Amino acid sequence: MRRTATREVYRNNWLTLREDEIVRPDGSAGVYAVVDKPTYALVIPYDPDQDRFHLVEQFRYPLGLRRWEFPQGTAPEQEHMDPIALAHRELREETGLCAESMERLGQLDVAPGMSSQRGWVFLATGLTAGEHEREHEEQDMRSGWFSRTEVERMIRDGEITDAQSIAALAFLLLRESKIQR
């Protein structure tokens, strides 16, 4: 596909919505609406000694529900940051934790049929506790430690439905299976 024209429909500090006129491979014209958002970092805070994860819970306005998930986010004002720096920032901001080790596990495309946003998944270990530095929008956020068994149950029971968090856990499981071989 080839883009022939684009126009910005909407912009705020978190996203831009644009409409692109395109020409398909067969020559027919079409229109694509695209949500542009900066790259995000998702962090799996993991304590291997106790086989537990640190999750955050917050109200997700579009769903009208509170949801548990791994800490994740973008830089403010659509700024693009180095992914590992962003991972450290999000971890500290949402949980107060600082990581001695931040290992990149993989990359995710959020909704490639409608959004350009991509995200990096990191495994954070060697964690030390501190004070969180949450943004104003995150003022009702809670966080806590959960065993692997609890996290698996929460996924099965629909308490964790965030697709990025579930996919991130799959990256961790693939890493663990590779280590055990």
Protein backbone atom coordinates (compact mmCIF):
# COMPACT_ATOMS: atom_id res chain seq x y z
CA MET A 1 0.00 0.00 0.00
CA ARG A 2 1.07 3.53 -0.70
CA ARG A 3 0.00 6.66 1.18
CA THR A 4 -0.98 9.53 -1.09
CA ALA A 5 -2.16 12.06 1.51
CA THR A 6 -2.54 12.42 5.26
CA ARG A 7 -4.33 14.77 7.60
CA GLU A 8 -4.23 15.11 11.36
CA VAL A 9 -7.71 14.67 12.82
CA TYR A 10 -6.91 15.02 16.53
CA ARG A 11 -3.92 15.42 18.87
CA ASN A 12 -3.34 15.50 22.63
CA ASN A 13 -0.40 14.75 24.95
CA TRP A 14 -0.83 10.98 24.55
CA LEU A 15 -1.82 10.32 20.95
CA THR A 16 -2.44 11.62 17.45
CA LEU A 17 -5.25 10.41 15.21
CA ARG A 18 -4.58 10.76 11.52
CA GLU A 19 -6.47 9.80 8.38
CA ASP A 20 -4.43 8.56 5.43
CA GLU A 21 -5.59 8.28 1.85
CA ILE A 22 -4.00 5.17 0.38
CA VAL A 23 -3.69 3.29 -2.88
CA ARG A 24 -3.93 -0.48 -2.56
CA PRO A 25 -1.74 -2.87 -4.62
CA ASP A 26 -4.60 -3.33 -7.12
CA GLY A 27 -4.78 0.46 -7.69
CA SER A 28 -8.00 1.05 -5.76
CA ALA A 29 -8.19 3.97 -3.36
CA GLY A 30 -8.92 3.67 0.35
CA VAL A 31 -8.72 5.41 3.70
CA TYR A 32 -6.94 4.33 6.86
CA ALA A 33 -7.46 5.88 10.29
CA VAL A 34 -4.30 5.49 12.37
CA VAL A 35 -3.69 6.14 16.06
CA ASP A 36 -0.08 7.21 16.54
CA LYS A 37 1.33 6.79 20.04
CA PRO A 38 4.93 6.74 21.19
CA THR A 39 6.75 3.53 22.02
CA TYR A 40 5.96 2.21 25.48
CA ALA A 41 7.83 0.05 27.96
CA LEU A 42 6.23 -2.77 29.93
CA VAL A 43 8.15 -4.06 32.93
CA ILE A 44 7.78 -7.45 34.61
CA PRO A 45 9.04 -6.84 38.17
CA TYR A 46 10.09 -10.31 39.30
CA ASP A 47 11.46 -11.67 42.56
CA PRO A 48 12.94 -15.07 41.58
CA ASP A 49 13.69 -16.05 45.20
CA GLN A 50 9.97 -16.05 46.04
CA ASP A 51 8.69 -16.62 42.46
CA ARG A 52 6.46 -13.57 42.63
CA PHE A 53 5.54 -10.57 40.48
CA HIS A 54 4.71 -6.97 41.30
CA LEU A 55 1.53 -5.76 39.59
CA VAL A 56 -0.33 -2.47 39.47
CA GLU A 57 -4.08 -1.98 39.48
CA GLN A 58 -5.80 1.09 38.11
CA PHE A 59 -9.07 2.31 36.67
CA ARG A 60 -9.02 1.99 32.89
CA TYR A 61 -11.46 4.66 31.74
CA PRO A 62 -12.27 3.25 28.26
CA LEU A 63 -13.32 -0.05 29.90
CA GLY A 64 -14.94 1.54 32.95
CA LEU A 65 -13.15 -1.09 35.07
CA ARG A 66 -10.20 -1.49 37.41
CA ARG A 67 -7.57 -3.87 36.01
CA TRP A 68 -4.38 -5.52 37.25
CA GLU A 69 -1.42 -5.43 34.88
CA PHE A 70 2.35 -5.11 34.74
CA PRO A 71 3.69 -1.55 35.04
CA GLN A 72 3.80 0.08 31.63
CA GLY A 73 3.63 3.41 29.91
CA THR A 74 5.04 6.02 27.58
CA ALA A 75 6.93 9.23 28.13
CA PRO A 76 4.82 12.38 28.57
CA GLU A 77 4.08 14.76 25.70
CA GLN A 78 4.59 11.95 23.15
CA GLU A 79 8.33 12.15 23.78
CA HIS A 80 10.38 9.22 22.53
CA MET A 81 12.82 7.88 25.13
CA ASP A 82 15.39 5.13 25.05
CA PRO A 83 13.32 1.99 25.85
CA ILE A 84 15.49 0.83 28.77
CA ALA A 85 15.46 4.32 30.35
CA LEU A 86 11.70 4.40 29.90
CA ALA A 87 11.40 0.96 31.55
CA HIS A 88 13.35 2.12 34.61
CA ARG A 89 11.25 5.30 34.76
CA GLU A 90 7.90 3.48 34.53
CA LEU A 91 8.92 0.93 37.16
CA ARG A 92 9.96 3.62 39.65
CA GLU A 93 7.01 5.88 38.81
CA GLU A 94 4.28 3.27 39.22
CA THR A 95 5.71 1.01 41.94
CA GLY A 96 8.60 2.79 43.63
CA LEU A 97 10.83 -0.16 42.76
CA CYS A 98 14.33 0.22 41.35
CA ALA A 99 15.89 -2.62 39.37
CA GLU A 100 19.50 -3.74 39.45
CA SER A 101 18.91 -5.64 36.19
CA MET A 102 16.59 -4.72 33.30
CA GLU A 103 16.62 -7.42 30.60
CA ARG A 104 14.87 -6.85 27.28
CA LEU A 105 12.60 -9.81 26.48
CA GLY A 106 10.88 -8.74 23.27
CA GLN A 107 8.70 -6.30 21.38
CA LEU A 108 4.92 -6.08 20.99
CA ASP A 109 2.66 -4.29 18.51
CA VAL A 110 -0.41 -3.07 20.41
CA ALA A 111 -3.08 -3.07 17.70
CA PRO A 112 -1.31 -3.10 14.30
CA GLY A 113 -4.56 -2.86 12.36
CA MET A 114 -5.26 0.59 13.81
CA SER A 115 -2.23 1.88 15.73
CA SER A 116 1.45 2.46 15.06
CA GLN A 117 2.32 1.95 18.73
CA ARG A 118 4.95 -0.60 19.62
CA GLY A 119 6.22 -1.62 23.02
CA TRP A 120 9.27 -3.20 24.59
CA VAL A 121 8.96 -5.84 27.30
CA PHE A 122 11.55 -5.95 30.07
CA LEU A 123 12.26 -8.28 32.98
CA ALA A 124 13.29 -6.35 36.10
CA THR A 125 15.16 -8.18 38.86
CA GLY A 126 17.35 -7.22 41.80
CA LEU A 127 14.54 -4.99 43.04
CA THR A 128 14.73 -2.50 45.89
CA ALA A 129 11.71 -0.68 47.29
CA GLY A 130 11.26 3.08 47.35
CA GLU A 131 8.55 5.71 46.97
CA HIS A 132 6.46 5.73 43.79
CA GLU A 133 6.31 8.88 41.65
CA ARG A 134 2.92 8.45 39.99
CA GLU A 135 1.47 10.89 37.50
CA HIS A 136 -1.72 12.75 38.40
CA GLU A 137 -3.80 10.35 36.26
CA GLU A 138 -2.42 7.43 38.30
CA GLN A 139 -3.44 8.74 41.72
CA ASP A 140 -5.82 5.85 42.39
CA MET A 141 -3.29 3.19 41.35
CA ARG A 142 -2.55 0.34 43.74
CA SER A 143 0.28 -2.15 43.56
CA GLY A 144 1.27 -5.38 45.20
CA TRP A 145 3.18 -8.64 45.04
CA PHE A 146 1.53 -11.79 43.68
CA SER A 147 2.86 -15.33 43.45
CA ARG A 148 3.15 -16.96 40.03
CA THR A 149 0.21 -19.21 40.96
CA GLU A 150 -1.90 -16.16 41.85
CA VAL A 151 -1.01 -14.40 38.58
CA GLU A 152 -1.95 -17.49 36.56
CA ARG A 153 -5.27 -17.75 38.43
CA MET A 154 -5.94 -14.03 37.88
CA ILE A 155 -5.45 -14.50 34.12
CA ARG A 156 -7.74 -17.54 34.06
CA ASP A 157 -10.40 -15.75 36.16
CA GLY A 158 -10.36 -12.57 34.06
CA GLU A 159 -8.78 -10.34 36.71
CA ILE A 160 -5.84 -9.75 34.38
CA THR A 161 -7.11 -9.10 30.86
CA ASP A 162 -4.49 -6.66 29.60
CA ALA A 163 -3.24 -8.23 26.37
CA GLN A 164 0.23 -6.71 26.70
CA SER A 165 0.67 -8.11 30.22
CA ILE A 166 -0.41 -11.58 29.13
CA ALA A 167 1.86 -11.47 26.08
CA ALA A 168 4.73 -10.22 28.26
CA LEU A 169 4.30 -13.23 30.53
CA ALA A 170 4.57 -15.43 27.43
CA PHE A 171 7.96 -13.81 26.69
CA LEU A 172 9.07 -14.64 30.22
CA LEU A 173 7.91 -18.25 29.88
CA LEU A 174 9.83 -18.59 26.59
CA ARG A 175 12.95 -17.21 28.30
CA GLU A 176 12.56 -19.64 31.18
CA SER A 177 12.07 -22.64 28.87
CA LYS A 178 15.23 -21.68 26.96
CA ILE A 179 17.24 -21.45 30.21
CA GLN A 180 16.03 -24.89 31.36
CA ARG A 181 17.20 -26.62 28.16
